Amino acid sequence: MTGWGWVNILTGLMLAVVALAVFLNPVRARAATIVAACLAVTVSFLWMPYYPPGSIVLIALDVVAIWGVTTWNIARESA
């Protein structure tokens, strides 16, 4: 369980860095956001036997983040 705790902490730190990158340069950080969110989905899925409600919520939030980043269109914002 201690190992899983460290995996979750490191995944959370990586997601925080990618979120900061999205605010600084969103166009270049899109691929990193998708990769990081997919990794977070995988970690949450593997954590599901230990904490099902939290894992389901995190997977749903990661899917929403992936959807938001992939459907975001910069041309609409500049208009």
C-alpha atoms as a PDB file:
ATOM      1  CA  MET A   1       0.000   0.000   0.000  1.00  0.00           C
ATOM      2  CA  THR A   2       2.875   2.397   0.686  1.00  0.00           C
ATOM      3  CA  GLY A   3       4.133   1.883  -2.856  1.00  0.00           C
ATOM      4  CA  TRP A   4       0.716   2.745  -4.270  1.00  0.00           C
ATOM      5  CA  GLY A   5       0.659   5.873  -2.163  1.00  0.00           C
ATOM      6  CA  TRP A   6       3.921   7.029  -3.717  1.00  0.00           C
ATOM      7  CA  VAL A   7       2.655   6.193  -7.210  1.00  0.00           C
ATOM      8  CA  ASN A   8      -0.439   8.334  -6.577  1.00  0.00           C
ATOM      9  CA  ILE A   9       1.623  11.209  -5.184  1.00  0.00           C
ATOM     10  CA  LEU A  10       4.009  11.170  -8.148  1.00  0.00           C
ATOM     11  CA  THR A  11       1.128  10.960 -10.607  1.00  0.00           C
ATOM     12  CA  GLY A  12      -0.547  13.926  -8.907  1.00  0.00           C
ATOM     13  CA  LEU A  13       2.660  15.971  -9.050  1.00  0.00           C
ATOM     14  CA  MET A  14       3.066  15.166 -12.747  1.00  0.00           C
ATOM     15  CA  LEU A  15      -0.529  16.236 -13.393  1.00  0.00           C
ATOM     16  CA  ALA A  16       0.080  19.499 -11.520  1.00  0.00           C
ATOM     17  CA  VAL A  17       3.130  20.263 -13.671  1.00  0.00           C
ATOM     18  CA  VAL A  18       1.195  19.511 -16.860  1.00  0.00           C
ATOM     19  CA  ALA A  19      -1.706  21.685 -15.666  1.00  0.00           C
ATOM     20  CA  LEU A  20       0.714  24.557 -15.119  1.00  0.00           C
ATOM     21  CA  ALA A  21       2.106  23.994 -18.613  1.00  0.00           C
ATOM     22  CA  VAL A  22      -1.418  24.199 -20.044  1.00  0.00           C
ATOM     23  CA  PHE A  23      -1.855  27.626 -18.474  1.00  0.00           C
ATOM     24  CA  LEU A  24       1.523  28.847 -19.742  1.00  0.00           C
ATOM     25  CA  ASN A  25       1.419  27.468 -23.293  1.00  0.00           C
ATOM     26  CA  PRO A  26      -1.785  25.524 -24.014  1.00  0.00           C
ATOM     27  CA  VAL A  27      -1.059  24.662 -27.634  1.00  0.00           C
ATOM     28  CA  ARG A  28       2.242  22.946 -26.885  1.00  0.00           C
ATOM     29  CA  ALA A  29       1.024  21.225 -23.724  1.00  0.00           C
ATOM     30  CA  ARG A  30      -1.918  19.416 -25.282  1.00  0.00           C
ATOM     31  CA  ALA A  31      -0.035  16.185 -26.037  1.00  0.00           C
ATOM     32  CA  ALA A  32       1.557  16.122 -22.591  1.00  0.00           C
ATOM     33  CA  THR A  33      -1.859  16.631 -21.022  1.00  0.00           C
ATOM     34  CA  ILE A  34      -3.336  13.696 -22.915  1.00  0.00           C
ATOM     35  CA  VAL A  35      -0.428  11.407 -22.025  1.00  0.00           C
ATOM     36  CA  ALA A  36      -0.485  12.432 -18.356  1.00  0.00           C
ATOM     37  CA  ALA A  37      -4.254  12.002 -18.083  1.00  0.00           C
ATOM     38  CA  CYS A  38      -4.063   8.559 -19.718  1.00  0.00           C
ATOM     39  CA  LEU A  39      -1.398   7.577 -17.205  1.00  0.00           C
ATOM     40  CA  ALA A  40      -3.603   8.878 -14.392  1.00  0.00           C
ATOM     41  CA  VAL A  41      -6.536   6.825 -15.718  1.00  0.00           C
ATOM     42  CA  THR A  42      -4.332   3.724 -15.700  1.00  0.00           C
ATOM     43  CA  VAL A  43      -3.135   4.355 -12.131  1.00  0.00           C
ATOM     44  CA  SER A  44      -6.705   5.031 -10.968  1.00  0.00           C
ATOM     45  CA  PHE A  45      -7.916   1.853 -12.646  1.00  0.00           C
ATOM     46  CA  LEU A  46      -5.225  -0.166 -10.875  1.00  0.00           C
ATOM     47  CA  TRP A  47      -6.121   1.526  -7.564  1.00  0.00           C
ATOM     48  CA  MET A  48      -9.813   0.604  -7.984  1.00  0.00           C
ATOM     49  CA  PRO A  49      -9.781  -2.571  -5.803  1.00  0.00           C
ATOM     50  CA  TYR A  50      -8.593  -0.494  -2.834  1.00  0.00           C
ATOM     51  CA  TYR A  51     -10.796   2.602  -3.195  1.00  0.00           C
ATOM     52  CA  PRO A  52     -13.555   2.185  -5.825  1.00  0.00           C
ATOM     53  CA  PRO A  53     -15.506   5.454  -5.348  1.00  0.00           C
ATOM     54  CA  GLY A  54     -12.427   7.662  -5.525  1.00  0.00           C
ATOM     55  CA  SER A  55     -11.039   5.776  -8.494  1.00  0.00           C
ATOM     56  CA  ILE A  56     -14.272   6.118 -10.449  1.00  0.00           C
ATOM     57  CA  VAL A  57     -14.418   9.854  -9.773  1.00  0.00           C
ATOM     58  CA  LEU A  58     -10.776  10.347 -10.800  1.00  0.00           C
ATOM     59  CA  ILE A  59     -11.236   8.323 -13.988  1.00  0.00           C
ATOM     60  CA  ALA A  60     -14.294  10.406 -14.893  1.00  0.00           C
ATOM     61  CA  LEU A  61     -12.402  13.659 -14.252  1.00  0.00           C
ATOM     62  CA  ASP A  62      -9.449  12.480 -16.335  1.00  0.00           C
ATOM     63  CA  VAL A  63     -11.760  11.547 -19.206  1.00  0.00           C
ATOM     64  CA  VAL A  64     -13.368  15.001 -19.030  1.00  0.00           C
ATOM     65  CA  ALA A  65      -9.898  16.600 -19.068  1.00  0.00           C
ATOM     66  CA  ILE A  66      -8.884  14.566 -22.121  1.00  0.00           C
ATOM     67  CA  TRP A  67     -12.127  15.490 -23.868  1.00  0.00           C
ATOM     68  CA  GLY A  68     -11.678  19.162 -23.042  1.00  0.00           C
ATOM     69  CA  VAL A  69      -8.106  19.301 -24.292  1.00  0.00           C
ATOM     70  CA  THR A  70      -8.801  17.380 -27.500  1.00  0.00           C
ATOM     71  CA  THR A  71     -11.894  19.391 -28.471  1.00  0.00           C
ATOM     72  CA  TRP A  72     -10.468  22.802 -27.541  1.00  0.00           C
ATOM     73  CA  ASN A  73     -10.193  25.090 -30.577  1.00  0.00           C
ATOM     74  CA  ILE A  74      -7.974  28.156 -30.323  1.00  0.00           C
ATOM     75  CA  ALA A  75      -9.625  29.750 -33.362  1.00  0.00           C
ATOM     76  CA  ARG A  76     -12.902  30.127 -31.456  1.00  0.00           C
ATOM     77  CA  GLU A  77     -11.241  32.011 -28.593  1.00  0.00           C
ATOM     78  CA  SER A  78      -9.507  34.619 -30.738  1.00  0.00           C
ATOM     79  CA  ALA A  79     -12.708  35.592 -32.533  1.00  0.00           C
END
